[in-house]
């Protein structure tokens, strides 16, 4: 049983897909990030899953990497999530 659709040759899909897939990926990722971030700000989830990020008061390049393991798993889940949904949309 195949769960993901992966193509190995650029001509497996029409050329327009090459140019459409990057903005589509960005749009889907931003939507995913937005809703996950809203979820992390729920009162019951915030103290366990997102508070660590908000404890970083000084903005540095490393602040973006200040998050709990729970938040890291949610953010890393995007890759298998997108790979799975793209199987059914392409």
PDB file of N, CA and C in Angstrom:
ATOM      1  N   UNK A   1       0.845  -1.176   0.000  1.00  0.00           N
ATOM      2  CA  UNK A   1       0.000   0.000   0.000  1.00  0.00           C
ATOM      3  C   UNK A   1       0.897   1.248   0.000  1.00  0.00           C
ATOM      4  N   UNK A   2       0.612   2.193  -0.883  1.00  0.00           N
ATOM      5  CA  UNK A   2       1.416   3.408  -1.000  1.00  0.00           C
ATOM      6  C   UNK A   2       0.687   4.553  -0.299  1.00  0.00           C
ATOM      7  N   UNK A   3       1.376   5.199   0.645  1.00  0.00           N
ATOM      8  CA  UNK A   3       0.776   6.310   1.371  1.00  0.00           C
ATOM      9  C   UNK A   3       1.219   7.661   0.836  1.00  0.00           C
ATOM     10  N   UNK A   4       2.399   7.711   0.232  1.00  0.00           N
ATOM     11  CA  UNK A   4       2.940   8.972  -0.266  1.00  0.00           C
ATOM     12  C   UNK A   4       3.249   8.866  -1.747  1.00  0.00           C
ATOM     13  N   UNK A   5       3.095   9.968  -2.438  1.00  0.00           N
ATOM     14  CA  UNK A   5       3.407  10.006  -3.854  1.00  0.00           C
ATOM     15  C   UNK A   5       4.694  10.823  -4.019  1.00  0.00           C
ATOM     16  N   UNK A   6       5.737  10.176  -4.470  1.00  0.00           N
ATOM     17  CA  UNK A   6       7.017  10.848  -4.669  1.00  0.00           C
ATOM     18  C   UNK A   6       7.410  10.662  -6.123  1.00  0.00           C
ATOM     19  N   UNK A   7       7.792  11.748  -6.761  1.00  0.00           N
ATOM     20  CA  UNK A   7       8.236  11.594  -8.134  1.00  0.00           C
ATOM     21  C   UNK A   7       9.730  11.883  -8.223  1.00  0.00           C
ATOM     22  N   UNK A   8      10.389  11.142  -9.087  1.00  0.00           N
ATOM     23  CA  UNK A   8      11.842  11.200  -9.178  1.00  0.00           C
ATOM     24  C   UNK A   8      12.326  11.925 -10.426  1.00  0.00           C
ATOM     25  N   UNK A   9      11.476  12.055 -11.406  1.00  0.00           N
ATOM     26  CA  UNK A   9      11.838  12.756 -12.636  1.00  0.00           C
ATOM     27  C   UNK A   9      11.010  14.034 -12.729  1.00  0.00           C
ATOM     28  N   UNK A  10      11.645  15.109 -13.150  1.00  0.00           N
ATOM     29  CA  UNK A  10      10.950  16.388 -13.219  1.00  0.00           C
ATOM     30  C   UNK A  10       9.790  16.359 -14.213  1.00  0.00           C
ATOM     31  N   UNK A  11       9.879  15.518 -15.204  1.00  0.00           N
ATOM     32  CA  UNK A  11       8.802  15.468 -16.199  1.00  0.00           C
ATOM     33  C   UNK A  11       7.689  14.472 -15.838  1.00  0.00           C
ATOM     34  N   UNK A  12       7.677  13.971 -14.610  1.00  0.00           N
ATOM     35  CA  UNK A  12       6.566  13.135 -14.149  1.00  0.00           C
ATOM     36  C   UNK A  12       5.278  13.950 -13.998  1.00  0.00           C
ATOM     37  N   UNK A  13       5.421  15.247 -13.814  1.00  0.00           N
ATOM     38  CA  UNK A  13       4.290  16.162 -13.680  1.00  0.00           C
ATOM     39  C   UNK A  13       4.456  17.290 -14.684  1.00  0.00           C
ATOM     40  N   UNK A  14       3.389  18.002 -14.987  1.00  0.00           N
ATOM     41  CA  UNK A  14       3.512  19.135 -15.912  1.00  0.00           C
ATOM     42  C   UNK A  14       4.447  20.211 -15.334  1.00  0.00           C
ATOM     43  N   UNK A  15       5.051  20.997 -16.182  1.00  0.00           N
ATOM     44  CA  UNK A  15       6.011  22.020 -15.768  1.00  0.00           C
ATOM     45  C   UNK A  15       5.383  23.039 -14.828  1.00  0.00           C
ATOM     46  N   UNK A  16       4.109  23.383 -15.030  1.00  0.00           N
ATOM     47  CA  UNK A  16       3.480  24.378 -14.157  1.00  0.00           C
ATOM     48  C   UNK A  16       3.484  23.924 -12.696  1.00  0.00           C
ATOM     49  N   UNK A  17       3.451  22.588 -12.463  1.00  0.00           N
ATOM     50  CA  UNK A  17       3.441  22.092 -11.089  1.00  0.00           C
ATOM     51  C   UNK A  17       4.731  22.447 -10.357  1.00  0.00           C
ATOM     52  N   UNK A  18       5.839  22.453 -11.074  1.00  0.00           N
ATOM     53  CA  UNK A  18       7.118  22.817 -10.471  1.00  0.00           C
ATOM     54  C   UNK A  18       7.043  24.233  -9.908  1.00  0.00           C
ATOM     55  N   UNK A  19       6.435  25.146 -10.639  1.00  0.00           N
ATOM     56  CA  UNK A  19       6.352  26.546 -10.215  1.00  0.00           C
ATOM     57  C   UNK A  19       5.206  26.792  -9.231  1.00  0.00           C
ATOM     58  N   UNK A  20       4.196  25.963  -9.257  1.00  0.00           N
ATOM     59  CA  UNK A  20       3.062  26.117  -8.355  1.00  0.00           C
ATOM     60  C   UNK A  20       3.313  25.465  -6.993  1.00  0.00           C
ATOM     61  N   UNK A  21       4.090  24.408  -6.958  1.00  0.00           N
ATOM     62  CA  UNK A  21       4.264  23.640  -5.726  1.00  0.00           C
ATOM     63  C   UNK A  21       4.966  24.421  -4.622  1.00  0.00           C
ATOM     64  N   UNK A  22       5.904  25.291  -4.966  1.00  0.00           N
ATOM     65  CA  UNK A  22       6.630  26.043  -3.930  1.00  0.00           C
ATOM     66  C   UNK A  22       5.714  27.049  -3.229  1.00  0.00           C
ATOM     67  N   UNK A  23       4.983  27.918  -3.966  1.00  0.00           N
ATOM     68  CA  UNK A  23       4.057  28.810  -3.256  1.00  0.00           C
ATOM     69  C   UNK A  23       2.946  28.050  -2.517  1.00  0.00           C
ATOM     70  N   UNK A  24       2.505  26.944  -3.069  1.00  0.00           N
ATOM     71  CA  UNK A  24       1.486  26.143  -2.401  1.00  0.00           C
ATOM     72  C   UNK A  24       2.015  25.582  -1.084  1.00  0.00           C
ATOM     73  N   UNK A  25       3.233  25.085  -1.103  1.00  0.00           N
ATOM     74  CA  UNK A  25       3.860  24.580   0.117  1.00  0.00           C
ATOM     75  C   UNK A  25       3.968  25.693   1.154  1.00  0.00           C
ATOM     76  N   UNK A  26       4.380  26.894   0.738  1.00  0.00           N
ATOM     77  CA  UNK A  26       4.490  28.027   1.666  1.00  0.00           C
ATOM     78  C   UNK A  26       3.132  28.382   2.256  1.00  0.00           C
ATOM     79  N   UNK A  27       2.098  28.402   1.428  1.00  0.00           N
ATOM     80  CA  UNK A  27       0.755  28.731   1.897  1.00  0.00           C
ATOM     81  C   UNK A  27       0.238  27.695   2.893  1.00  0.00           C
ATOM     82  N   UNK A  28       0.413  26.431   2.576  1.00  0.00           N
ATOM     83  CA  UNK A  28      -0.058  25.364   3.475  1.00  0.00           C
ATOM     84  C   UNK A  28       0.734  25.391   4.779  1.00  0.00           C
ATOM     85  N   UNK A  29       2.043  25.615   4.697  1.00  0.00           N
ATOM     86  CA  UNK A  29       2.867  25.675   5.908  1.00  0.00           C
ATOM     87  C   UNK A  29       2.462  26.854   6.788  1.00  0.00           C
ATOM     88  N   UNK A  30       2.250  28.026   6.201  1.00  0.00           N
ATOM     89  CA  UNK A  30       1.831  29.184   6.987  1.00  0.00           C
ATOM     90  C   UNK A  30       0.483  28.947   7.652  1.00  0.00           C
ATOM     91  N   UNK A  31      -0.432  28.311   6.951  1.00  0.00           N
ATOM     92  CA  UNK A  31      -1.741  27.999   7.519  1.00  0.00           C
ATOM     93  C   UNK A  31      -1.596  27.024   8.680  1.00  0.00           C
ATOM     94  N   UNK A  32      -0.799  25.990   8.477  1.00  0.00           N
ATOM     95  CA  UNK A  32      -0.539  25.004   9.534  1.00  0.00           C
ATOM     96  C   UNK A  32       0.083  25.688  10.749  1.00  0.00           C
ATOM     97  N   UNK A  33       1.104  26.513  10.511  1.00  0.00           N
ATOM     98  CA  UNK A  33       1.792  27.197  11.609  1.00  0.00           C
ATOM     99  C   UNK A  33       0.821  28.105  12.364  1.00  0.00           C
ATOM    100  N   UNK A  34      -0.021  28.836  11.642  1.00  0.00           N
ATOM    101  CA  UNK A  34      -0.978  29.739  12.268  1.00  0.00           C
ATOM    102  C   UNK A  34      -1.906  28.987  13.223  1.00  0.00           C
ATOM    103  N   UNK A  35      -2.499  27.896  12.755  1.00  0.00           N
ATOM    104  CA  UNK A  35      -3.460  27.170  13.582  1.00  0.00           C
ATOM    105  C   UNK A  35      -2.796  26.441  14.741  1.00  0.00           C
ATOM    106  N   UNK A  36      -1.596  25.928  14.515  1.00  0.00           N
ATOM    107  CA  UNK A  36      -0.864  25.294  15.625  1.00  0.00           C
ATOM    108  C   UNK A  36      -0.509  26.348  16.659  1.00  0.00           C
ATOM    109  N   UNK A  37      -0.089  27.525  16.215  1.00  0.00           N
ATOM    110  CA  UNK A  37       0.271  28.608  17.134  1.00  0.00           C
ATOM    111  C   UNK A  37      -0.956  29.062  17.923  1.00  0.00           C
ATOM    112  N   UNK A  38      -2.111  29.156  17.257  1.00  0.00           N
ATOM    113  CA  UNK A  38      -3.350  29.503  17.972  1.00  0.00           C
ATOM    114  C   UNK A  38      -3.664  28.435  19.026  1.00  0.00           C
ATOM    115  N   UNK A  39      -3.491  27.166  18.652  1.00  0.00           N
ATOM    116  CA  UNK A  39      -3.717  26.060  19.587  1.00  0.00           C
ATOM    117  C   UNK A  39      -2.782  26.175  20.793  1.00  0.00           C
ATOM    118  N   UNK A  40      -1.530  26.499  20.567  1.00  0.00           N
ATOM    119  CA  UNK A  40      -0.556  26.607  21.649  1.00  0.00           C
ATOM    120  C   UNK A  40      -0.858  27.758  22.598  1.00  0.00           C
ATOM    121  N   UNK A  41      -1.646  28.716  22.156  1.00  0.00           N
ATOM    122  CA  UNK A  41      -2.014  29.838  23.017  1.00  0.00           C
ATOM    123  C   UNK A  41      -3.298  29.593  23.812  1.00  0.00           C
ATOM    124  N   UNK A  42      -3.918  28.437  23.642  1.00  0.00           N
ATOM    125  CA  UNK A  42      -5.053  28.097  24.502  1.00  0.00           C
ATOM    126  C   UNK A  42      -4.561  28.003  25.943  1.00  0.00           C
ATOM    127  N   UNK A  43      -5.344  28.504  26.859  1.00  0.00           N
ATOM    128  CA  UNK A  43      -4.912  28.579  28.261  1.00  0.00           C
ATOM    129  C   UNK A  43      -4.444  27.228  28.810  1.00  0.00           C
ATOM    130  N   UNK A  44      -5.154  26.171  28.460  1.00  0.00           N
ATOM    131  CA  UNK A  44      -4.801  24.844  28.986  1.00  0.00           C
ATOM    132  C   UNK A  44      -3.536  24.264  28.358  1.00  0.00           C
ATOM    133  N   UNK A  45      -3.159  24.739  27.190  1.00  0.00           N
ATOM    134  CA  UNK A  45      -1.991  24.211  26.480  1.00  0.00           C
ATOM    135  C   UNK A  45      -0.769  25.110  26.677  1.00  0.00           C
ATOM    136  N   UNK A  46      -1.012  26.405  26.830  1.00  0.00           N
ATOM    137  CA  UNK A  46       0.069  27.389  26.855  1.00  0.00           C
ATOM    138  C   UNK A  46       1.145  27.072  27.893  1.00  0.00           C
ATOM    139  N   UNK A  47       0.733  26.830  29.130  1.00  0.00           N
ATOM    140  CA  UNK A  47       1.721  26.642  30.197  1.00  0.00           C
ATOM    141  C   UNK A  47       2.561  25.379  30.023  1.00  0.00           C
ATOM    142  N   UNK A  48       2.036  24.395  29.306  1.00  0.00           N
ATOM    143  CA  UNK A  48       2.775  23.153  29.106  1.00  0.00           C
ATOM    144  C   UNK A  48       3.501  23.101  27.771  1.00  0.00           C
ATOM    145  N   UNK A  49       3.012  23.855  26.792  1.00  0.00           N
ATOM    146  CA  UNK A  49       3.551  23.681  25.453  1.00  0.00           C
ATOM    147  C   UNK A  49       4.175  24.878  24.793  1.00  0.00           C
ATOM    148  N   UNK A  50       3.922  26.096  25.298  1.00  0.00           N
ATOM    149  CA  UNK A  50       4.406  27.272  24.557  1.00  0.00           C
ATOM    150  C   UNK A  50       5.045  28.326  25.462  1.00  0.00           C
ATOM    151  N   UNK A  51       4.884  28.170  26.753  1.00  0.00           N
ATOM    152  CA  UNK A  51       5.393  29.153  27.706  1.00  0.00           C
ATOM    153  C   UNK A  51       6.896  29.345  27.571  1.00  0.00           C
ATOM    154  N   UNK A  52       7.631  28.275  27.329  1.00  0.00           N
ATOM    155  CA  UNK A  52       9.090  28.342  27.204  1.00  0.00           C
ATOM    156  C   UNK A  52       9.489  29.355  26.137  1.00  0.00           C
ATOM    157  N   UNK A  53       8.771  29.365  25.051  1.00  0.00           N
ATOM    158  CA  UNK A  53       9.074  30.305  23.968  1.00  0.00           C
ATOM    159  C   UNK A  53       8.890  31.754  24.428  1.00  0.00           C
ATOM    160  N   UNK A  54       7.858  32.013  25.187  1.00  0.00           N
ATOM    161  CA  UNK A  54       7.578  33.375  25.635  1.00  0.00           C
ATOM    162  C   UNK A  54       8.477  33.812  26.785  1.00  0.00           C
ATOM    163  N   UNK A  55       9.198  32.906  27.374  1.00  0.00           N
ATOM    164  CA  UNK A  55      10.178  33.282  28.398  1.00  0.00           C
ATOM    165  C   UNK A  55      11.433  33.887  27.787  1.00  0.00           C
ATOM    166  N   UNK A  56      11.626  33.737  26.517  1.00  0.00           N
ATOM    167  CA  UNK A  56      12.764  34.358  25.821  1.00  0.00           C
ATOM    168  C   UNK A  56      12.420  35.823  25.581  1.00  0.00           C
ATOM    169  N   UNK A  57      12.994  36.686  26.370  1.00  0.00           N
ATOM    170  CA  UNK A  57      12.660  38.109  26.315  1.00  0.00           C
ATOM    171  C   UNK A  57      13.558  38.896  25.362  1.00  0.00           C
ATOM    172  N   UNK A  58      14.816  38.498  25.246  1.00  0.00           N
ATOM    173  CA  UNK A  58      15.762  39.231  24.410  1.00  0.00           C
ATOM    174  C   UNK A  58      15.751  38.614  23.013  1.00  0.00           C
ATOM    175  N   UNK A  59      15.386  39.400  21.999  1.00  0.00           N
ATOM    176  CA  UNK A  59      15.350  38.832  20.644  1.00  0.00           C
ATOM    177  C   UNK A  59      16.755  38.595  20.094  1.00  0.00           C
ATOM    178  N   UNK A  60      17.037  37.350  19.828  1.00  0.00           N
ATOM    179  CA  UNK A  60      18.305  36.958  19.225  1.00  0.00           C
ATOM    180  C   UNK A  60      17.986  35.952  18.123  1.00  0.00           C
ATOM    181  N   UNK A  61      18.958  35.614  17.302  1.00  0.00           N
ATOM    182  CA  UNK A  61      18.699  34.575  16.301  1.00  0.00           C
ATOM    183  C   UNK A  61      18.316  33.234  16.938  1.00  0.00           C
ATOM    184  N   UNK A  62      18.697  33.014  18.188  1.00  0.00           N
ATOM    185  CA  UNK A  62      18.422  31.739  18.858  1.00  0.00           C
ATOM    186  C   UNK A  62      17.026  31.695  19.472  1.00  0.00           C
ATOM    187  N   UNK A  63      16.352  32.834  19.586  1.00  0.00           N
ATOM    188  CA  UNK A  63      15.018  32.861  20.180  1.00  0.00           C
ATOM    189  C   UNK A  63      14.038  31.986  19.405  1.00  0.00           C
ATOM    190  N   UNK A  64      14.205  31.923  18.103  1.00  0.00           N
ATOM    191  CA  UNK A  64      13.313  31.090  17.291  1.00  0.00           C
ATOM    192  C   UNK A  64      13.421  29.611  17.662  1.00  0.00           C
ATOM    193  N   UNK A  65      14.524  29.228  18.288  1.00  0.00           N
ATOM    194  CA  UNK A  65      14.727  27.825  18.670  1.00  0.00           C
ATOM    195  C   UNK A  65      14.413  27.577  20.146  1.00  0.00           C
ATOM    196  N   UNK A  66      13.760  28.526  20.766  1.00  0.00           N
ATOM    197  CA  UNK A  66      13.384  28.387  22.169  1.00  0.00           C
ATOM    198  C   UNK A  66      11.962  27.858  22.238  1.00  0.00           C
ATOM    199  N   UNK A  67      11.835  26.552  22.368  1.00  0.00           N
ATOM    200  CA  UNK A  67      10.508  25.948  22.457  1.00  0.00           C
ATOM    201  C   UNK A  67      10.593  24.621  23.191  1.00  0.00           C
ATOM    202  N   UNK A  68       9.447  24.160  23.647  1.00  0.00           N
ATOM    203  CA  UNK A  68       9.382  22.900  24.388  1.00  0.00           C
ATOM    204  C   UNK A  68       9.423  21.718  23.417  1.00  0.00           C
ATOM    205  N   UNK A  69       9.736  20.526  23.909  1.00  0.00           N
ATOM    206  CA  UNK A  69       9.703  19.342  23.051  1.00  0.00           C
ATOM    207  C   UNK A  69       8.322  19.100  22.432  1.00  0.00           C
ATOM    208  N   UNK A  70       7.259  19.395  23.176  1.00  0.00           N
ATOM    209  CA  UNK A  70       5.899  19.247  22.653  1.00  0.00           C
ATOM    210  C   UNK A  70       5.687  20.137  21.436  1.00  0.00           C
ATOM    211  N   UNK A  71       6.114  21.387  21.532  1.00  0.00           N
ATOM    212  CA  UNK A  71       5.983  22.315  20.411  1.00  0.00           C
ATOM    213  C   UNK A  71       6.855  21.870  19.235  1.00  0.00           C
ATOM    214  N   UNK A  72       8.041  21.364  19.528  1.00  0.00           N
ATOM    215  CA  UNK A  72       8.935  20.887  18.472  1.00  0.00           C
ATOM    216  C   UNK A  72       8.297  19.743  17.686  1.00  0.00           C
ATOM    217  N   UNK A  73       7.647  18.829  18.389  1.00  0.00           N
ATOM    218  CA  UNK A  73       6.987  17.703  17.723  1.00  0.00           C
ATOM    219  C   UNK A  73       5.845  18.202  16.843  1.00  0.00           C
ATOM    220  N   UNK A  74       5.054  19.143  17.354  1.00  0.00           N
ATOM    221  CA  UNK A  74       3.955  19.693  16.555  1.00  0.00           C
ATOM    222  C   UNK A  74       4.470  20.369  15.287  1.00  0.00           C
ATOM    223  N   UNK A  75       5.557  21.116  15.403  1.00  0.00           N
ATOM    224  CA  UNK A  75       6.109  21.808  14.235  1.00  0.00           C
ATOM    225  C   UNK A  75       6.761  20.824  13.258  1.00  0.00           C
ATOM    226  N   UNK A  76       7.425  19.809  13.777  1.00  0.00           N
ATOM    227  CA  UNK A  76       8.078  18.820  12.914  1.00  0.00           C
ATOM    228  C   UNK A  76       7.052  17.929  12.213  1.00  0.00           C
ATOM    229  N   UNK A  77       5.870  17.830  12.774  1.00  0.00           N
ATOM    230  CA  UNK A  77       4.821  16.993  12.192  1.00  0.00           C
ATOM    231  C   UNK A  77       4.360  17.510  10.831  1.00  0.00           C
ATOM    232  N   UNK A  78       4.682  18.767  10.502  1.00  0.00           N
ATOM    233  CA  UNK A  78       4.233  19.338   9.237  1.00  0.00           C
ATOM    234  C   UNK A  78       4.721  18.530   8.037  1.00  0.00           C
ATOM    235  N   UNK A  79       5.951  18.080   8.050  1.00  0.00           N
ATOM    236  CA  UNK A  79       6.518  17.375   6.888  1.00  0.00           C
ATOM    237  C   UNK A  79       5.728  16.101   6.578  1.00  0.00           C
ATOM    238  N   UNK A  80       5.510  15.192   7.533  1.00  0.00           N
ATOM    239  CA  UNK A  80       4.685  14.021   7.193  1.00  0.00           C
ATOM    240  C   UNK A  80       3.230  14.404   6.899  1.00  0.00           C
ATOM    241  N   UNK A  81       2.721  15.424   7.590  1.00  0.00           N
ATOM    242  CA  UNK A  81       1.353  15.885   7.337  1.00  0.00           C
ATOM    243  C   UNK A  81       1.204  16.362   5.896  1.00  0.00           C
ATOM    244  N   UNK A  82       2.097  17.223   5.449  1.00  0.00           N
ATOM    245  CA  UNK A  82       2.006  17.752   4.084  1.00  0.00           C
ATOM    246  C   UNK A  82       2.247  16.650   3.054  1.00  0.00           C
ATOM    247  N   UNK A  83       3.184  15.773   3.335  1.00  0.00           N
ATOM    248  CA  UNK A  83       3.453  14.673   2.413  1.00  0.00           C
ATOM    249  C   UNK A  83       2.233  13.782   2.259  1.00  0.00           C
ATOM    250  N   UNK A  84       1.531  13.567   3.353  1.00  0.00           N
ATOM    251  CA  UNK A  84       0.342  12.721   3.306  1.00  0.00           C
ATOM    252  C   UNK A  84      -0.809  13.408   2.580  1.00  0.00           C
ATOM    253  N   UNK A  85      -1.077  14.681   2.892  1.00  0.00           N
ATOM    254  CA  UNK A  85      -2.215  15.344   2.247  1.00  0.00           C
ATOM    255  C   UNK A  85      -1.932  15.624   0.775  1.00  0.00           C
ATOM    256  N   UNK A  86      -0.661  15.842   0.433  1.00  0.00           N
ATOM    257  CA  UNK A  86      -0.358  16.112  -0.973  1.00  0.00           C
ATOM    258  C   UNK A  86      -0.573  14.856  -1.823  1.00  0.00           C
ATOM    259  N   UNK A  87      -0.527  13.705  -1.222  1.00  0.00           N
ATOM    260  CA  UNK A  87      -0.788  12.451  -1.938  1.00  0.00           C
ATOM    261  C   UNK A  87      -2.203  12.447  -2.498  1.00  0.00           C
ATOM    262  N   UNK A  88      -3.121  13.083  -1.802  1.00  0.00           N
ATOM    263  CA  UNK A  88      -4.520  13.070  -2.190  1.00  0.00           C
ATOM    264  C   UNK A  88      -4.955  14.327  -2.934  1.00  0.00           C
ATOM    265  N   UNK A  89      -4.075  15.314  -3.033  1.00  0.00           N
ATOM    266  CA  UNK A  89      -4.464  16.552  -3.703  1.00  0.00           C
ATOM    267  C   UNK A  89      -3.794  16.736  -5.051  1.00  0.00           C
ATOM    268  N   UNK A  90      -2.781  15.948  -5.333  1.00  0.00           N
ATOM    269  CA  UNK A  90      -2.053  16.110  -6.600  1.00  0.00           C
ATOM    270  C   UNK A  90      -2.544  15.083  -7.589  1.00  0.00           C
TER     271      UNK A  90
END
